[in-house]
């Protein structure tokens, strides 16, 4: 009997030993499967990031930071800079004077009178439908939903007024007619603005991807400095050339910013700027250039690389892709 018991014990010992390892082995297998699944998910995420990054890179719209993979992170650096980083004006200096951004204090001059020749469409580009809605209405509705905005003055031809009236905004809605040049359209819109507004914000209707938080940041800088404009650092090397396309010099890229809209200015400064432009018959390519002519500081508020002006059919494809993702 003792011999039989010894033999049975010897036979059962390996089975018992295997059972003792069964739980750890099962746990390790599950952990391995979990890690594999997580790694697979990470790989998928990296693939999606790479595809998005590649698509944006082809349009030169990627963020300087390689870690940025979403629209919100493209504006991760919420800071402001003076044009060409050449001035260190204090918050109370120049045409500013500090103060707090109040609600219901901004008049928006909404430029929607361009013809969009480079788009090659029958309609002006801002009235082309994107995602079932006119391009102009995307940023128009952003301003319409902002508590800081008092009124919106749309600068457009009479035949397009109905596009904006159809939205049914609660803000005061006014209209002005386009001028020969951009500065003329801005002036016409400014003439309709409420004289008691603290700021005038001028915006291109062909920039549908504006974010409300970026506009507010620009408003705040304009209150402090007198004038501010959304912008982003340039990513490509810029060359200055002569009439024969021979390179004259290469500006320091660290001092160069691509400006966007809105461009936000205190009314009294804008009024003085227009007086100077008209008196000296000056031509300016953007709104804050009017303030530069006065020698007053203009603050650049860090914006979003997605806030592009739609100019070509390729831009439409990019904007539609962004709007779809959101």
C-alpha atoms as a PDB file:
ATOM      1  CA  UNK A   1       0.000   0.000   0.000  1.00  0.00           C
ATOM      2  CA  UNK A   2       2.855   2.404   0.916  1.00  0.00           C
ATOM      3  CA  UNK A   3       4.528   1.630  -2.404  1.00  0.00           C
ATOM      4  CA  UNK A   4       1.286   2.260  -4.270  1.00  0.00           C
ATOM      5  CA  UNK A   5       0.789   5.598  -2.425  1.00  0.00           C
ATOM      6  CA  UNK A   6       4.336   6.662  -3.302  1.00  0.00           C
ATOM      7  CA  UNK A   7       3.835   5.925  -6.964  1.00  0.00           C
ATOM      8  CA  UNK A   8       0.506   7.867  -6.972  1.00  0.00           C
ATOM      9  CA  UNK A   9       2.191  10.843  -5.314  1.00  0.00           C
ATOM     10  CA  UNK A  10       4.966  10.853  -7.903  1.00  0.00           C
ATOM     11  CA  UNK A  11       2.393  10.752 -10.703  1.00  0.00           C
ATOM     12  CA  UNK A  12       0.246  13.560  -9.259  1.00  0.00           C
ATOM     13  CA  UNK A  13       3.125  15.906  -8.336  1.00  0.00           C
ATOM     14  CA  UNK A  14       3.747  17.178 -11.902  1.00  0.00           C
ATOM     15  CA  UNK A  15       0.004  17.828 -12.337  1.00  0.00           C
ATOM     16  CA  UNK A  16      -0.110  19.747  -9.060  1.00  0.00           C
ATOM     17  CA  UNK A  17       2.980  21.667 -10.074  1.00  0.00           C
ATOM     18  CA  UNK A  18       1.437  22.636 -13.421  1.00  0.00           C
ATOM     19  CA  UNK A  19      -1.767  23.743 -11.684  1.00  0.00           C
ATOM     20  CA  UNK A  20       0.272  25.985  -9.391  1.00  0.00           C
ATOM     21  CA  UNK A  21       1.609  27.763 -12.489  1.00  0.00           C
ATOM     22  CA  UNK A  22      -1.737  27.839 -14.302  1.00  0.00           C
ATOM     23  CA  UNK A  23      -3.026  31.088 -12.706  1.00  0.00           C
ATOM     24  CA  UNK A  24       0.181  33.098 -13.258  1.00  0.00           C
ATOM     25  CA  UNK A  25       0.426  31.833 -16.830  1.00  0.00           C
ATOM     26  CA  UNK A  26      -3.218  32.736 -17.492  1.00  0.00           C
ATOM     27  CA  UNK A  27      -2.696  36.177 -15.952  1.00  0.00           C
ATOM     28  CA  UNK A  28       0.453  36.738 -18.000  1.00  0.00           C
ATOM     29  CA  UNK A  29      -1.350  35.681 -21.165  1.00  0.00           C
ATOM     30  CA  UNK A  30      -4.223  38.110 -20.471  1.00  0.00           C
ATOM     31  CA  UNK A  31      -1.761  40.878 -19.686  1.00  0.00           C
ATOM     32  CA  UNK A  32       0.111  40.142 -22.911  1.00  0.00           C
ATOM     33  CA  UNK A  33      -3.125  40.289 -24.862  1.00  0.00           C
ATOM     34  CA  UNK A  34      -4.042  43.567 -23.147  1.00  0.00           C
ATOM     35  CA  UNK A  35      -0.636  45.072 -23.886  1.00  0.00           C
ATOM     36  CA  UNK A  36      -0.876  43.896 -27.484  1.00  0.00           C
ATOM     37  CA  UNK A  37      -4.320  45.489 -27.837  1.00  0.00           C
ATOM     38  CA  UNK A  38      -3.060  48.721 -26.313  1.00  0.00           C
ATOM     39  CA  UNK A  39      -0.038  48.724 -28.616  1.00  0.00           C
ATOM     40  CA  UNK A  40      -2.299  48.101 -31.594  1.00  0.00           C
ATOM     41  CA  UNK A  41      -4.499  51.019 -30.528  1.00  0.00           C
ATOM     42  CA  UNK A  42      -1.419  53.204 -30.098  1.00  0.00           C
ATOM     43  CA  UNK A  43      -0.227  52.207 -33.572  1.00  0.00           C
ATOM     44  CA  UNK A  44      -3.630  53.101 -35.024  1.00  0.00           C
ATOM     45  CA  UNK A  45      -3.530  56.428 -33.216  1.00  0.00           C
ATOM     46  CA  UNK A  46      -0.039  57.120 -34.522  1.00  0.00           C
ATOM     47  CA  UNK A  47      -1.158  56.229 -38.021  1.00  0.00           C
ATOM     48  CA  UNK A  48      -4.088  58.630 -37.751  1.00  0.00           C
ATOM     49  CA  UNK A  49      -1.803  61.338 -36.395  1.00  0.00           C
ATOM     50  CA  UNK A  50       0.658  60.777 -39.218  1.00  0.00           C
ATOM     51  CA  UNK A  51      -2.071  60.974 -41.856  1.00  0.00           C
ATOM     52  CA  UNK A  52      -3.476  64.179 -40.366  1.00  0.00           C
ATOM     53  CA  UNK A  53      -0.010  65.646 -40.004  1.00  0.00           C
ATOM     54  CA  UNK A  54       0.856  64.801 -43.595  1.00  0.00           C
ATOM     55  CA  UNK A  55      -2.344  66.306 -44.940  1.00  0.00           C
ATOM     56  CA  UNK A  56      -1.799  69.548 -43.050  1.00  0.00           C
ATOM     57  CA  UNK A  57       1.870  69.655 -43.965  1.00  0.00           C
ATOM     58  CA  UNK A  58       0.996  69.707 -47.636  1.00  0.00           C
ATOM     59  CA  UNK A  59      -0.895  72.951 -46.991  1.00  0.00           C
ATOM     60  CA  UNK A  60       1.834  74.323 -44.674  1.00  0.00           C
ATOM     61  CA  UNK A  61      -0.649  74.396 -41.809  1.00  0.00           C
ATOM     62  CA  UNK A  62       0.971  72.119 -39.267  1.00  0.00           C
ATOM     63  CA  UNK A  63       1.921  73.388 -35.872  1.00  0.00           C
ATOM     64  CA  UNK A  64       5.575  74.041 -35.063  1.00  0.00           C
ATOM     65  CA  UNK A  65       5.269  71.547 -32.226  1.00  0.00           C
ATOM     66  CA  UNK A  66       5.423  67.922 -33.421  1.00  0.00           C
ATOM     67  CA  UNK A  67       3.246  66.871 -30.515  1.00  0.00           C
ATOM     68  CA  UNK A  68       0.237  68.823 -31.766  1.00  0.00           C
ATOM     69  CA  UNK A  69      -2.357  66.500 -33.258  1.00  0.00           C
ATOM     70  CA  UNK A  70      -5.602  68.407 -32.840  1.00  0.00           C
ATOM     71  CA  UNK A  71      -6.966  71.798 -33.728  1.00  0.00           C
ATOM     72  CA  UNK A  72      -7.027  72.907 -30.111  1.00  0.00           C
ATOM     73  CA  UNK A  73      -3.347  72.121 -29.632  1.00  0.00           C
ATOM     74  CA  UNK A  74      -2.385  74.207 -32.643  1.00  0.00           C
ATOM     75  CA  UNK A  75      -3.174  77.217 -30.486  1.00  0.00           C
ATOM     76  CA  UNK A  76      -1.405  75.754 -27.468  1.00  0.00           C
ATOM     77  CA  UNK A  77       0.793  78.812 -27.078  1.00  0.00           C
ATOM     78  CA  UNK A  78      -1.568  81.544 -25.911  1.00  0.00           C
ATOM     79  CA  UNK A  79       0.784  84.485 -26.058  1.00  0.00           C
ATOM     80  CA  UNK A  80       1.050  87.751 -27.946  1.00  0.00           C
ATOM     81  CA  UNK A  81       3.834  89.565 -29.727  1.00  0.00           C
ATOM     82  CA  UNK A  82       4.381  93.039 -31.056  1.00  0.00           C
ATOM     83  CA  UNK A  83       4.838  93.245 -34.850  1.00  0.00           C
ATOM     84  CA  UNK A  84       8.432  92.290 -35.797  1.00  0.00           C
ATOM     85  CA  UNK A  85       9.083  91.798 -32.065  1.00  0.00           C
ATOM     86  CA  UNK A  86      10.764  95.204 -32.183  1.00  0.00           C
ATOM     87  CA  UNK A  87       8.936  97.001 -29.378  1.00  0.00           C
ATOM     88  CA  UNK A  88       8.401  96.380 -25.695  1.00  0.00           C
ATOM     89  CA  UNK A  89       5.421  98.666 -25.180  1.00  0.00           C
ATOM     90  CA  UNK A  90       3.793  98.273 -21.782  1.00  0.00           C
ATOM     91  CA  UNK A  91       0.130  97.418 -21.410  1.00  0.00           C
ATOM     92  CA  UNK A  92      -0.648 101.087 -20.753  1.00  0.00           C
ATOM     93  CA  UNK A  93       1.626 102.536 -23.433  1.00  0.00           C
ATOM     94  CA  UNK A  94       1.077 103.868 -26.933  1.00  0.00           C
ATOM     95  CA  UNK A  95      -2.506 104.035 -28.080  1.00  0.00           C
ATOM     96  CA  UNK A  96      -3.632 101.621 -25.407  1.00  0.00           C
ATOM     97  CA  UNK A  97      -4.454 102.652 -21.904  1.00  0.00           C
ATOM     98  CA  UNK A  98      -5.360  99.299 -20.417  1.00  0.00           C
ATOM     99  CA  UNK A  99      -8.840  98.709 -19.094  1.00  0.00           C
ATOM    100  CA  UNK A 100     -11.057  95.662 -19.027  1.00  0.00           C
ATOM    101  CA  UNK A 101     -12.856  94.047 -21.928  1.00  0.00           C
ATOM    102  CA  UNK A 102     -16.540  94.637 -21.345  1.00  0.00           C
ATOM    103  CA  UNK A 103     -19.526  92.728 -22.650  1.00  0.00           C
ATOM    104  CA  UNK A 104     -21.537  94.124 -25.529  1.00  0.00           C
ATOM    105  CA  UNK A 105     -18.693  96.505 -26.447  1.00  0.00           C
ATOM    106  CA  UNK A 106     -17.389  95.364 -29.854  1.00  0.00           C
ATOM    107  CA  UNK A 107     -18.615  96.437 -33.283  1.00  0.00           C
ATOM    108  CA  UNK A 108     -17.725  93.855 -35.932  1.00  0.00           C
ATOM    109  CA  UNK A 109     -17.138  95.053 -39.491  1.00  0.00           C
ATOM    110  CA  UNK A 110     -17.711  91.881 -41.483  1.00  0.00           C
ATOM    111  CA  UNK A 111     -16.174  92.120 -44.966  1.00  0.00           C
ATOM    112  CA  UNK A 112     -18.250  90.089 -47.439  1.00  0.00           C
ATOM    113  CA  UNK A 113     -18.003  92.089 -50.642  1.00  0.00           C
ATOM    114  CA  UNK A 114     -15.068  90.407 -52.416  1.00  0.00           C
ATOM    115  CA  UNK A 115     -15.475  88.749 -55.801  1.00  0.00           C
ATOM    116  CA  UNK A 116     -12.998  85.871 -55.315  1.00  0.00           C
ATOM    117  CA  UNK A 117     -11.483  85.715 -58.810  1.00  0.00           C
ATOM    118  CA  UNK A 118      -8.827  83.148 -57.859  1.00  0.00           C
ATOM    119  CA  UNK A 119     -11.482  80.686 -56.724  1.00  0.00           C
ATOM    120  CA  UNK A 120     -12.763  80.436 -60.302  1.00  0.00           C
ATOM    121  CA  UNK A 121     -16.387  80.051 -59.196  1.00  0.00           C
ATOM    122  CA  UNK A 122     -19.566  81.696 -60.491  1.00  0.00           C
ATOM    123  CA  UNK A 123     -20.401  83.022 -57.024  1.00  0.00           C
ATOM    124  CA  UNK A 124     -18.121  85.144 -54.816  1.00  0.00           C
ATOM    125  CA  UNK A 125     -16.210  82.615 -52.721  1.00  0.00           C
ATOM    126  CA  UNK A 126     -17.780  83.665 -49.406  1.00  0.00           C
ATOM    127  CA  UNK A 127     -21.207  82.613 -50.695  1.00  0.00           C
ATOM    128  CA  UNK A 128     -20.169  79.172 -51.904  1.00  0.00           C
ATOM    129  CA  UNK A 129     -21.834  76.530 -49.745  1.00  0.00           C
ATOM    130  CA  UNK A 130     -19.612  74.366 -47.595  1.00  0.00           C
ATOM    131  CA  UNK A 131     -21.292  71.621 -45.607  1.00  0.00           C
ATOM    132  CA  UNK A 132     -24.684  72.939 -46.680  1.00  0.00           C
ATOM    133  CA  UNK A 133     -24.019  76.500 -45.463  1.00  0.00           C
ATOM    134  CA  UNK A 134     -22.499  79.604 -47.035  1.00  0.00           C
ATOM    135  CA  UNK A 135     -18.825  80.034 -46.114  1.00  0.00           C
ATOM    136  CA  UNK A 136     -19.474  83.533 -44.782  1.00  0.00           C
ATOM    137  CA  UNK A 137     -21.998  82.272 -42.234  1.00  0.00           C
ATOM    138  CA  UNK A 138     -19.508  80.146 -40.275  1.00  0.00           C
ATOM    139  CA  UNK A 139     -17.534  83.057 -38.789  1.00  0.00           C
ATOM    140  CA  UNK A 140     -20.606  85.323 -38.894  1.00  0.00           C
ATOM    141  CA  UNK A 141     -22.336  82.964 -36.481  1.00  0.00           C
ATOM    142  CA  UNK A 142     -19.229  82.865 -34.267  1.00  0.00           C
ATOM    143  CA  UNK A 143     -19.460  86.633 -33.754  1.00  0.00           C
ATOM    144  CA  UNK A 144     -23.248  86.472 -33.438  1.00  0.00           C
ATOM    145  CA  UNK A 145     -22.867  84.103 -30.490  1.00  0.00           C
ATOM    146  CA  UNK A 146     -20.279  86.188 -28.604  1.00  0.00           C
ATOM    147  CA  UNK A 147     -21.402  88.177 -25.568  1.00  0.00           C
ATOM    148  CA  UNK A 148     -18.654  90.765 -26.188  1.00  0.00           C
ATOM    149  CA  UNK A 149     -20.116  91.706 -29.578  1.00  0.00           C
ATOM    150  CA  UNK A 150     -22.677  94.521 -29.705  1.00  0.00           C
ATOM    151  CA  UNK A 151     -23.384  94.663 -33.429  1.00  0.00           C
ATOM    152  CA  UNK A 152     -22.322  93.265 -36.782  1.00  0.00           C
ATOM    153  CA  UNK A 153     -21.965  95.515 -39.822  1.00  0.00           C
ATOM    154  CA  UNK A 154     -21.881  93.355 -42.946  1.00  0.00           C
ATOM    155  CA  UNK A 155     -20.168  94.984 -45.913  1.00  0.00           C
ATOM    156  CA  UNK A 156     -21.740  93.341 -48.962  1.00  0.00           C
ATOM    157  CA  UNK A 157     -23.766  93.954 -52.096  1.00  0.00           C
ATOM    158  CA  UNK A 158     -27.494  94.382 -51.524  1.00  0.00           C
ATOM    159  CA  UNK A 159     -28.343  91.119 -53.267  1.00  0.00           C
ATOM    160  CA  UNK A 160     -26.545  89.135 -50.546  1.00  0.00           C
ATOM    161  CA  UNK A 161     -28.115  90.798 -47.514  1.00  0.00           C
ATOM    162  CA  UNK A 162     -30.728  88.045 -47.297  1.00  0.00           C
ATOM    163  CA  UNK A 163     -27.999  85.457 -46.596  1.00  0.00           C
ATOM    164  CA  UNK A 164     -27.251  87.135 -43.266  1.00  0.00           C
ATOM    165  CA  UNK A 165     -30.794  88.170 -42.441  1.00  0.00           C
ATOM    166  CA  UNK A 166     -31.872  84.536 -42.711  1.00  0.00           C
ATOM    167  CA  UNK A 167     -29.784  83.583 -39.672  1.00  0.00           C
ATOM    168  CA  UNK A 168     -31.987  85.536 -37.290  1.00  0.00           C
ATOM    169  CA  UNK A 169     -29.274  86.789 -34.921  1.00  0.00           C
ATOM    170  CA  UNK A 170     -30.126  88.671 -31.733  1.00  0.00           C
ATOM    171  CA  UNK A 171     -27.348  91.227 -32.297  1.00  0.00           C
ATOM    172  CA  UNK A 172     -27.941  94.505 -34.080  1.00  0.00           C
ATOM    173  CA  UNK A 173     -27.387  93.818 -37.784  1.00  0.00           C
ATOM    174  CA  UNK A 174     -26.391  96.607 -40.164  1.00  0.00           C
ATOM    175  CA  UNK A 175     -25.204  96.744 -43.763  1.00  0.00           C
ATOM    176  CA  UNK A 176     -22.755  98.855 -45.759  1.00  0.00           C
ATOM    177  CA  UNK A 177     -21.615  98.716 -49.356  1.00  0.00           C
ATOM    178  CA  UNK A 178     -18.172  97.573 -50.538  1.00  0.00           C
ATOM    179  CA  UNK A 179     -15.670 100.163 -51.769  1.00  0.00           C
ATOM    180  CA  UNK A 180     -13.137 100.046 -54.564  1.00  0.00           C
ATOM    181  CA  UNK A 181     -10.351  98.774 -52.299  1.00  0.00           C
ATOM    182  CA  UNK A 182     -10.334  96.888 -49.016  1.00  0.00           C
ATOM    183  CA  UNK A 183      -9.570 100.034 -47.031  1.00  0.00           C
ATOM    184  CA  UNK A 184     -12.594 101.708 -48.643  1.00  0.00           C
ATOM    185  CA  UNK A 185     -14.843  98.810 -47.615  1.00  0.00           C
ATOM    186  CA  UNK A 186     -13.484  98.982 -44.068  1.00  0.00           C
ATOM    187  CA  UNK A 187     -14.131 102.716 -43.954  1.00  0.00           C
ATOM    188  CA  UNK A 188     -17.722 102.282 -45.187  1.00  0.00           C
ATOM    189  CA  UNK A 189     -18.387  99.671 -42.520  1.00  0.00           C
ATOM    190  CA  UNK A 190     -16.714 101.754 -39.826  1.00  0.00           C
ATOM    191  CA  UNK A 191     -18.986 104.693 -40.660  1.00  0.00           C
ATOM    192  CA  UNK A 192     -21.981 102.565 -39.605  1.00  0.00           C
ATOM    193  CA  UNK A 193     -20.475 101.474 -36.284  1.00  0.00           C
ATOM    194  CA  UNK A 194     -21.929 102.556 -32.951  1.00  0.00           C
ATOM    195  CA  UNK A 195     -19.824 105.485 -31.707  1.00  0.00           C
ATOM    196  CA  UNK A 196     -19.950 104.198 -28.137  1.00  0.00           C
ATOM    197  CA  UNK A 197     -18.279 100.859 -28.945  1.00  0.00           C
ATOM    198  CA  UNK A 198     -14.959 100.207 -27.219  1.00  0.00           C
ATOM    199  CA  UNK A 199     -13.493  98.255 -30.156  1.00  0.00           C
ATOM    200  CA  UNK A 200     -13.967  97.726 -33.874  1.00  0.00           C
ATOM    201  CA  UNK A 201     -13.136  94.206 -35.109  1.00  0.00           C
ATOM    202  CA  UNK A 202     -12.649  93.801 -38.862  1.00  0.00           C
ATOM    203  CA  UNK A 203     -12.958  90.265 -40.215  1.00  0.00           C
ATOM    204  CA  UNK A 204     -12.741  88.563 -43.624  1.00  0.00           C
ATOM    205  CA  UNK A 205     -15.856  86.499 -44.304  1.00  0.00           C
ATOM    206  CA  UNK A 206     -13.671  84.055 -46.279  1.00  0.00           C
ATOM    207  CA  UNK A 207     -12.092  82.865 -42.999  1.00  0.00           C
ATOM    208  CA  UNK A 208     -14.738  80.390 -41.775  1.00  0.00           C
ATOM    209  CA  UNK A 209     -12.556  78.536 -39.252  1.00  0.00           C
ATOM    210  CA  UNK A 210     -12.217  81.320 -36.699  1.00  0.00           C
ATOM    211  CA  UNK A 211     -12.535  80.225 -33.066  1.00  0.00           C
ATOM    212  CA  UNK A 212     -14.351  82.410 -30.550  1.00  0.00           C
ATOM    213  CA  UNK A 213     -11.594  82.052 -27.941  1.00  0.00           C
ATOM    214  CA  UNK A 214      -9.021  83.411 -30.403  1.00  0.00           C
ATOM    215  CA  UNK A 215     -11.215  86.401 -31.187  1.00  0.00           C
ATOM    216  CA  UNK A 216     -11.661  87.135 -27.466  1.00  0.00           C
ATOM    217  CA  UNK A 217      -7.894  86.962 -26.907  1.00  0.00           C
ATOM    218  CA  UNK A 218      -7.455  89.492 -29.706  1.00  0.00           C
ATOM    219  CA  UNK A 219     -10.129  91.751 -28.188  1.00  0.00           C
ATOM    220  CA  UNK A 220      -8.284  91.681 -24.872  1.00  0.00           C
ATOM    221  CA  UNK A 221      -4.981  92.653 -26.486  1.00  0.00           C
ATOM    222  CA  UNK A 222      -6.638  95.486 -28.402  1.00  0.00           C
ATOM    223  CA  UNK A 223      -8.032  96.885 -25.139  1.00  0.00           C
ATOM    224  CA  UNK A 224      -4.504  96.910 -23.687  1.00  0.00           C
ATOM    225  CA  UNK A 225      -2.535  98.147 -26.703  1.00  0.00           C
ATOM    226  CA  UNK A 226      -5.031 100.012 -28.846  1.00  0.00           C
ATOM    227  CA  UNK A 227      -4.762  97.626 -31.795  1.00  0.00           C
ATOM    228  CA  UNK A 228      -4.280  93.881 -32.181  1.00  0.00           C
ATOM    229  CA  UNK A 229      -4.437  91.274 -34.916  1.00  0.00           C
ATOM    230  CA  UNK A 230      -4.504  87.482 -34.933  1.00  0.00           C
ATOM    231  CA  UNK A 231      -1.404  85.918 -36.445  1.00  0.00           C
ATOM    232  CA  UNK A 232       0.816  82.857 -36.546  1.00  0.00           C
ATOM    233  CA  UNK A 233       4.611  82.512 -36.870  1.00  0.00           C
ATOM    234  CA  UNK A 234       5.739  81.718 -40.416  1.00  0.00           C
ATOM    235  CA  UNK A 235       7.216  78.244 -40.796  1.00  0.00           C
ATOM    236  CA  UNK A 236       8.979  78.588 -44.132  1.00  0.00           C
ATOM    237  CA  UNK A 237      12.078  80.601 -44.935  1.00  0.00           C
ATOM    238  CA  UNK A 238      11.117  83.866 -46.636  1.00  0.00           C
ATOM    239  CA  UNK A 239      13.228  85.490 -49.355  1.00  0.00           C
ATOM    240  CA  UNK A 240      13.058  89.121 -50.404  1.00  0.00           C
ATOM    241  CA  UNK A 241      13.717  89.529 -54.135  1.00  0.00           C
ATOM    242  CA  UNK A 242      14.141  92.339 -56.641  1.00  0.00           C
ATOM    243  CA  UNK A 243      12.326  92.902 -59.945  1.00  0.00           C
ATOM    244  CA  UNK A 244      14.353  90.120 -61.594  1.00  0.00           C
ATOM    245  CA  UNK A 245      13.510  87.619 -58.840  1.00  0.00           C
ATOM    246  CA  UNK A 246      17.069  87.734 -57.554  1.00  0.00           C
ATOM    247  CA  UNK A 247      17.390  87.345 -53.803  1.00  0.00           C
ATOM    248  CA  UNK A 248      18.090  90.608 -52.009  1.00  0.00           C
ATOM    249  CA  UNK A 249      18.078  89.280 -48.473  1.00  0.00           C
ATOM    250  CA  UNK A 250      16.696  86.622 -46.151  1.00  0.00           C
ATOM    251  CA  UNK A 251      14.766  88.102 -43.225  1.00  0.00           C
ATOM    252  CA  UNK A 252      15.099  86.483 -39.816  1.00  0.00           C
ATOM    253  CA  UNK A 253      12.182  84.055 -39.689  1.00  0.00           C
ATOM    254  CA  UNK A 254      11.858  84.493 -35.923  1.00  0.00           C
ATOM    255  CA  UNK A 255      10.611  88.057 -36.505  1.00  0.00           C
ATOM    256  CA  UNK A 256       8.049  87.184 -39.211  1.00  0.00           C
ATOM    257  CA  UNK A 257       4.363  86.518 -38.589  1.00  0.00           C
ATOM    258  CA  UNK A 258       1.517  85.803 -40.983  1.00  0.00           C
ATOM    259  CA  UNK A 259      -1.397  88.003 -39.999  1.00  0.00           C
ATOM    260  CA  UNK A 260      -5.038  86.950 -40.114  1.00  0.00           C
ATOM    261  CA  UNK A 261      -8.330  88.466 -39.013  1.00  0.00           C
ATOM    262  CA  UNK A 262     -10.022  89.726 -36.970  1.00  0.00           C
ATOM    263  CA  UNK A 263      -7.960  92.888 -36.796  1.00  0.00           C
ATOM    264  CA  UNK A 264      -9.186  94.798 -33.763  1.00  0.00           C
ATOM    265  CA  UNK A 265      -8.721  98.536 -33.206  1.00  0.00           C
ATOM    266  CA  UNK A 266      -9.968 101.195 -30.822  1.00  0.00           C
ATOM    267  CA  UNK A 267     -12.362 103.499 -32.724  1.00  0.00           C
ATOM    268  CA  UNK A 268     -10.481 106.709 -31.960  1.00  0.00           C
ATOM    269  CA  UNK A 269      -7.251 105.236 -33.347  1.00  0.00           C
ATOM    270  CA  UNK A 270      -8.967 103.889 -36.442  1.00  0.00           C
ATOM    271  CA  UNK A 271     -10.576 107.272 -37.079  1.00  0.00           C
ATOM    272  CA  UNK A 272      -7.209 109.044 -36.875  1.00  0.00           C
ATOM    273  CA  UNK A 273      -5.686 106.391 -39.115  1.00  0.00           C
ATOM    274  CA  UNK A 274      -8.315 106.845 -41.822  1.00  0.00           C
ATOM    275  CA  UNK A 275      -7.836 110.608 -41.701  1.00  0.00           C
ATOM    276  CA  UNK A 276      -4.096 110.180 -42.315  1.00  0.00           C
ATOM    277  CA  UNK A 277      -4.608 107.604 -45.091  1.00  0.00           C
ATOM    278  CA  UNK A 278      -7.055 109.879 -46.915  1.00  0.00           C
ATOM    279  CA  UNK A 279      -5.016 113.056 -46.385  1.00  0.00           C
ATOM    280  CA  UNK A 280      -1.829 111.476 -47.730  1.00  0.00           C
ATOM    281  CA  UNK A 281      -3.548 109.234 -50.320  1.00  0.00           C
ATOM    282  CA  UNK A 282      -1.953 106.107 -48.846  1.00  0.00           C
ATOM    283  CA  UNK A 283      -2.713 102.519 -49.844  1.00  0.00           C
ATOM    284  CA  UNK A 284      -2.659  99.864 -47.133  1.00  0.00           C
ATOM    285  CA  UNK A 285      -3.052  96.115 -47.571  1.00  0.00           C
ATOM    286  CA  UNK A 286      -4.557  95.353 -44.181  1.00  0.00           C
ATOM    287  CA  UNK A 287      -6.402  97.197 -41.436  1.00  0.00           C
ATOM    288  CA  UNK A 288      -3.743  97.476 -38.750  1.00  0.00           C
ATOM    289  CA  UNK A 289      -1.378  98.989 -41.326  1.00  0.00           C
ATOM    290  CA  UNK A 290      -3.529 102.096 -40.928  1.00  0.00           C
ATOM    291  CA  UNK A 291      -2.499 102.199 -37.270  1.00  0.00           C
ATOM    292  CA  UNK A 292       1.142 101.559 -38.161  1.00  0.00           C
ATOM    293  CA  UNK A 293       1.012 104.715 -40.265  1.00  0.00           C
ATOM    294  CA  UNK A 294       0.304 106.617 -37.037  1.00  0.00           C
ATOM    295  CA  UNK A 295       3.373 105.145 -35.378  1.00  0.00           C
ATOM    296  CA  UNK A 296       1.219 103.406 -32.782  1.00  0.00           C
ATOM    297  CA  UNK A 297       1.906  99.849 -31.535  1.00  0.00           C
ATOM    298  CA  UNK A 298       0.039  96.877 -32.963  1.00  0.00           C
ATOM    299  CA  UNK A 299      -0.057  93.691 -30.929  1.00  0.00           C
ATOM    300  CA  UNK A 300      -0.039  90.271 -32.619  1.00  0.00           C
ATOM    301  CA  UNK A 301      -2.162  87.757 -30.750  1.00  0.00           C
ATOM    302  CA  UNK A 302      -1.176  84.157 -31.350  1.00  0.00           C
ATOM    303  CA  UNK A 303      -3.926  82.565 -33.413  1.00  0.00           C
ATOM    304  CA  UNK A 304      -4.624  79.246 -35.080  1.00  0.00           C
ATOM    305  CA  UNK A 305      -3.019  77.846 -38.254  1.00  0.00           C
ATOM    306  CA  UNK A 306      -6.463  76.634 -39.345  1.00  0.00           C
ATOM    307  CA  UNK A 307      -7.778  80.201 -39.568  1.00  0.00           C
ATOM    308  CA  UNK A 308      -6.877  80.434 -43.246  1.00  0.00           C
ATOM    309  CA  UNK A 309      -8.454  82.644 -45.873  1.00  0.00           C
ATOM    310  CA  UNK A 310     -10.139  80.442 -48.460  1.00  0.00           C
ATOM    311  CA  UNK A 311      -8.691  81.506 -51.801  1.00  0.00           C
ATOM    312  CA  UNK A 312      -8.350  78.409 -54.000  1.00  0.00           C
ATOM    313  CA  UNK A 313     -10.368  75.192 -54.534  1.00  0.00           C
ATOM    314  CA  UNK A 314      -7.724  73.334 -52.503  1.00  0.00           C
ATOM    315  CA  UNK A 315      -8.480  75.590 -49.541  1.00  0.00           C
ATOM    316  CA  UNK A 316     -12.135  74.573 -49.781  1.00  0.00           C
ATOM    317  CA  UNK A 317     -11.191  70.910 -49.522  1.00  0.00           C
ATOM    318  CA  UNK A 318      -9.095  71.559 -46.428  1.00  0.00           C
ATOM    319  CA  UNK A 319     -11.817  73.610 -44.729  1.00  0.00           C
ATOM    320  CA  UNK A 320     -14.435  70.960 -45.449  1.00  0.00           C
ATOM    321  CA  UNK A 321     -12.159  68.309 -43.961  1.00  0.00           C
ATOM    322  CA  UNK A 322     -11.679  70.347 -40.765  1.00  0.00           C
ATOM    323  CA  UNK A 323     -15.382  71.062 -40.413  1.00  0.00           C
ATOM    324  CA  UNK A 324     -16.168  67.372 -40.918  1.00  0.00           C
ATOM    325  CA  UNK A 325     -13.701  66.340 -38.185  1.00  0.00           C
ATOM    326  CA  UNK A 326     -15.270  68.785 -35.740  1.00  0.00           C
END
